[in-house]
């Protein structure tokens, strides 16, 4: 539990001693901190330890970030959901309401059009809003499945090359990530994203010239 030990400053120990709150980012993670990794600190200062599960807040990512959908929800169940997310359960009554479902899908498509417009304006890449948007935006790390995702893109690409007659619904793969400058393996994953994207885009341009088979687009990757 020493803050200074063997000529080193233990920053985690310093943070616990000086801070007023220590939390994990998932209930399991918090229990590991309390019972294993920081057991001595927890036994001495249990009042400091609590859980804060990683996630989103509806006020930022829905009320502010998706205002059309937020307005639709408010029209159907009132504004209480903004401070009480459990109120969203009231939407269950619209699960089989064709009119409500169509309104919901229209909002979703308009958001995809908005994103496609942004990508074209800022990155010079044209994407089809009718395609499936397969989006992965998070910190680039070995355990966060970005590499597995890009391998899936390469697999789909090879499947289309091997079986040009196969049915394939257009998909747009959108990657966004950042990583530490010294994280060499993350840079390699990033390079794999770039190379795969360029390859698929080149093949996609060629493939669309072929009118003898069903319409399809190879995955387009946007960083």
Protein backbone atom coordinates (compact mmCIF):
# COMPACT_ATOMS: atom_id res chain seq x y z
CA UNK A 1 0.00 0.00 0.00
CA UNK A 2 3.03 2.29 0.08
CA UNK A 3 2.84 5.34 -2.16
CA UNK A 4 6.63 5.47 -2.55
CA UNK A 5 8.37 2.11 -2.71
CA UNK A 6 11.67 0.87 -4.12
CA UNK A 7 12.44 4.24 -5.67
CA UNK A 8 9.11 4.44 -7.49
CA UNK A 9 5.93 6.44 -6.98
CA UNK A 10 2.90 4.15 -7.09
CA UNK A 11 0.46 6.41 -8.89
CA UNK A 12 -2.57 4.18 -8.28
CA UNK A 13 -1.85 4.13 -4.56
CA UNK A 14 -1.41 7.92 -4.56
CA UNK A 15 -4.70 8.40 -6.39
CA UNK A 16 -6.58 6.20 -3.92
CA UNK A 17 -5.08 7.95 -0.90
CA UNK A 18 -5.69 11.46 -2.26
CA UNK A 19 -8.99 10.88 -4.02
CA UNK A 20 -12.46 10.62 -2.54
CA UNK A 21 -13.91 7.98 -4.89
CA UNK A 22 -12.58 4.78 -6.46
CA UNK A 23 -14.66 2.92 -9.00
CA UNK A 24 -14.55 0.11 -11.48
CA UNK A 25 -16.24 0.43 -14.87
CA UNK A 26 -18.43 -2.67 -14.47
CA UNK A 27 -19.86 -4.47 -11.45
CA UNK A 28 -17.53 -7.45 -11.98
CA UNK A 29 -14.56 -5.14 -12.40
CA UNK A 30 -15.41 -3.29 -9.19
CA UNK A 31 -15.69 -6.55 -7.23
CA UNK A 32 -12.25 -7.61 -8.50
CA UNK A 33 -10.81 -4.32 -7.27
CA UNK A 34 -12.42 -4.73 -3.86
CA UNK A 35 -11.65 -8.40 -3.31
CA UNK A 36 -8.37 -8.85 -5.16
CA UNK A 37 -6.39 -6.02 -6.75
CA UNK A 38 -7.03 -3.31 -4.14
CA UNK A 39 -8.22 -5.50 -1.27
CA UNK A 40 -6.08 -3.81 1.40
CA UNK A 41 -7.26 -0.34 0.40
CA UNK A 42 -10.89 -1.47 0.36
CA UNK A 43 -10.61 -2.95 3.84
CA UNK A 44 -9.12 0.31 5.12
CA UNK A 45 -11.40 2.73 3.20
CA UNK A 46 -14.50 0.86 2.02
CA UNK A 47 -16.52 4.10 1.79
CA UNK A 48 -14.39 5.22 -1.16
CA UNK A 49 -15.22 2.26 -3.39
CA UNK A 50 -18.24 2.22 -5.68
CA UNK A 51 -19.30 1.07 -9.13
CA UNK A 52 -19.83 3.18 -12.25
CA UNK A 53 -20.80 0.94 -15.15
CA UNK A 54 -19.58 2.24 -18.50
CA UNK A 55 -22.40 3.28 -20.81
CA UNK A 56 -24.20 6.21 -22.32
CA UNK A 57 -26.52 8.87 -21.00
CA UNK A 58 -29.75 9.39 -22.87
CA UNK A 59 -29.49 13.13 -22.31
CA UNK A 60 -26.33 13.35 -24.42
CA UNK A 61 -26.59 10.55 -26.95
CA UNK A 62 -30.32 10.66 -27.56
CA UNK A 63 -31.87 13.96 -26.48
CA UNK A 64 -28.93 15.96 -27.82
CA UNK A 65 -27.29 13.66 -30.38
CA UNK A 66 -30.42 12.25 -32.05
CA UNK A 67 -32.97 15.01 -31.76
CA UNK A 68 -35.42 13.64 -34.34
CA UNK A 69 -35.68 10.31 -32.53
CA UNK A 70 -35.86 12.10 -29.17
CA UNK A 71 -38.79 14.18 -30.42
CA UNK A 72 -40.51 11.04 -31.72
CA UNK A 73 -40.14 9.33 -28.34
CA UNK A 74 -41.45 12.39 -26.50
CA UNK A 75 -44.46 12.58 -28.82
CA UNK A 76 -45.36 8.99 -27.96
CA UNK A 77 -44.59 8.67 -24.23
CA UNK A 78 -43.94 12.18 -22.94
CA UNK A 79 -40.68 13.83 -21.77
CA UNK A 80 -40.12 11.91 -18.52
CA UNK A 81 -37.73 9.45 -20.22
CA UNK A 82 -35.09 12.20 -20.43
CA UNK A 83 -34.39 11.87 -16.70
CA UNK A 84 -35.79 8.36 -16.17
CA UNK A 85 -34.63 5.94 -18.85
CA UNK A 86 -36.92 3.18 -17.57
CA UNK A 87 -39.80 5.15 -19.09
CA UNK A 88 -38.71 3.87 -22.50
CA UNK A 89 -40.48 0.60 -21.65
CA UNK A 90 -43.70 2.45 -22.51
CA UNK A 91 -42.69 2.17 -26.17
CA UNK A 92 -43.46 -1.56 -26.09
CA UNK A 93 -47.07 -0.85 -26.99
CA UNK A 94 -45.87 0.40 -30.38
CA UNK A 95 -43.95 -2.79 -31.23
CA UNK A 96 -46.60 -3.85 -33.75
CA UNK A 97 -47.84 -0.39 -34.72
CA UNK A 98 -47.06 -0.10 -38.45
CA UNK A 99 -47.36 3.69 -38.50
CA UNK A 100 -45.03 4.14 -35.52
CA UNK A 101 -42.53 1.65 -36.92
CA UNK A 102 -42.49 3.42 -40.28
CA UNK A 103 -41.89 6.75 -38.55
CA UNK A 104 -39.04 5.16 -36.59
CA UNK A 105 -37.40 3.72 -39.73
CA UNK A 106 -37.76 7.04 -41.56
CA UNK A 107 -35.87 8.78 -38.77
CA UNK A 108 -33.18 6.11 -38.89
CA UNK A 109 -32.76 6.52 -42.66
CA UNK A 110 -32.58 10.31 -42.43
CA UNK A 111 -29.82 9.95 -39.85
CA UNK A 112 -27.93 7.64 -42.21
CA UNK A 113 -28.33 10.20 -44.99
CA UNK A 114 -26.97 12.86 -42.64
CA UNK A 115 -23.94 10.72 -41.81
CA UNK A 116 -23.35 9.91 -45.49
CA UNK A 117 -23.40 13.63 -46.29
CA UNK A 118 -20.92 14.33 -43.49
CA UNK A 119 -18.55 11.58 -44.70
CA UNK A 120 -18.68 12.91 -48.27
CA UNK A 121 -18.04 16.51 -47.17
CA UNK A 122 -15.23 15.72 -44.71
CA UNK A 123 -13.61 12.61 -46.18
CA UNK A 124 -14.51 12.72 -49.86
CA UNK A 125 -16.00 9.21 -49.75
CA UNK A 126 -19.47 8.49 -51.08
CA UNK A 127 -21.42 5.88 -49.13
CA UNK A 128 -24.86 4.44 -49.82
CA UNK A 129 -27.37 5.27 -47.05
CA UNK A 130 -29.41 2.25 -48.16
CA UNK A 131 -26.53 -0.03 -47.20
CA UNK A 132 -26.05 -1.54 -43.76
CA UNK A 133 -23.84 0.78 -41.71
CA UNK A 134 -21.50 -1.44 -39.71
CA UNK A 135 -19.88 1.08 -37.35
CA UNK A 136 -17.14 0.49 -34.80
CA UNK A 137 -15.90 3.61 -33.03
CA UNK A 138 -13.88 3.14 -29.85
CA UNK A 139 -10.31 3.28 -28.58
CA UNK A 140 -8.07 1.07 -30.72
CA UNK A 141 -6.91 -1.86 -28.62
CA UNK A 142 -6.04 -5.49 -29.16
CA UNK A 143 -8.92 -6.77 -27.04
CA UNK A 144 -11.65 -4.53 -28.47
CA UNK A 145 -12.24 -6.67 -31.57
CA UNK A 146 -11.16 -4.15 -34.24
CA UNK A 147 -8.77 -6.74 -35.67
CA UNK A 148 -11.49 -9.41 -35.64
CA UNK A 149 -13.80 -6.96 -37.41
CA UNK A 150 -11.32 -6.18 -40.18
CA UNK A 151 -10.68 -9.90 -40.65
CA UNK A 152 -14.43 -10.28 -41.12
CA UNK A 153 -14.32 -7.60 -43.84
CA UNK A 154 -11.48 -9.44 -45.58
CA UNK A 155 -13.45 -12.69 -45.30
CA UNK A 156 -16.51 -11.10 -46.94
CA UNK A 157 -14.32 -9.63 -49.64
CA UNK A 158 -12.78 -13.03 -50.41
CA UNK A 159 -16.21 -14.68 -50.41
CA UNK A 160 -17.47 -12.26 -53.05
CA UNK A 161 -14.37 -12.77 -55.17
CA UNK A 162 -14.69 -16.54 -54.92
CA UNK A 163 -18.47 -16.61 -55.38
CA UNK A 164 -19.42 -13.64 -57.60
CA UNK A 165 -22.94 -15.04 -57.98
CA UNK A 166 -23.69 -14.92 -54.25
CA UNK A 167 -26.35 -12.59 -52.88
CA UNK A 168 -24.83 -9.82 -50.85
CA UNK A 169 -26.63 -6.87 -49.30
CA UNK A 170 -24.49 -3.71 -49.53
CA UNK A 171 -22.60 -2.92 -46.33
CA UNK A 172 -20.56 0.12 -45.35
CA UNK A 173 -17.92 -0.49 -42.70
CA UNK A 174 -17.02 2.63 -40.73
CA UNK A 175 -14.10 2.56 -38.33
CA UNK A 176 -13.05 5.27 -35.92
CA UNK A 177 -10.37 4.91 -33.26
CA UNK A 178 -7.38 6.41 -31.52
CA UNK A 179 -4.43 4.76 -29.82
CA UNK A 180 -1.31 5.63 -27.91
CA UNK A 181 1.55 6.83 -30.13
CA UNK A 182 3.79 4.09 -28.76
CA UNK A 183 1.21 1.31 -29.21
CA UNK A 184 2.93 -0.50 -32.09
CA UNK A 185 0.43 -3.32 -32.51
CA UNK A 186 -2.46 -0.86 -32.62
CA UNK A 187 -0.68 0.94 -35.46
CA UNK A 188 -0.45 -2.36 -37.34
CA UNK A 189 -4.19 -2.93 -36.93
CA UNK A 190 -4.78 0.62 -38.16
CA UNK A 191 -2.61 -0.08 -41.22
CA UNK A 192 -4.57 -3.26 -41.91
CA UNK A 193 -7.78 -1.18 -41.87
CA UNK A 194 -6.32 1.26 -44.38
CA UNK A 195 -4.95 -1.37 -46.74
CA UNK A 196 -8.14 -3.41 -46.69
CA UNK A 197 -10.20 -0.30 -47.32
CA UNK A 198 -8.17 0.76 -50.33
CA UNK A 199 -8.27 -2.75 -51.78
CA UNK A 200 -12.02 -3.11 -51.33
CA UNK A 201 -12.74 0.33 -52.75
CA UNK A 202 -10.68 -0.40 -55.87
CA UNK A 203 -12.42 -3.73 -56.40
CA UNK A 204 -15.78 -2.16 -55.71
CA UNK A 205 -15.31 0.35 -58.54
CA UNK A 206 -14.41 -2.47 -60.89
CA UNK A 207 -17.24 -4.72 -59.73
CA UNK A 208 -19.97 -2.13 -60.34
CA UNK A 209 -19.05 -2.12 -64.03
CA UNK A 210 -20.22 -5.72 -64.30
CA UNK A 211 -23.91 -5.61 -65.23
CA UNK A 212 -24.26 -9.33 -65.78
CA UNK A 213 -24.67 -10.23 -62.11
CA UNK A 214 -26.89 -8.99 -59.30
CA UNK A 215 -26.11 -5.53 -57.94
CA UNK A 216 -23.78 -5.51 -54.96
CA UNK A 217 -21.03 -3.42 -53.46
CA UNK A 218 -17.92 -4.64 -51.75
CA UNK A 219 -17.40 -3.31 -48.24
CA UNK A 220 -16.24 0.29 -48.20
CA UNK A 221 -14.16 1.13 -45.16
CA UNK A 222 -14.04 4.65 -43.82
CA UNK A 223 -11.66 5.54 -41.00
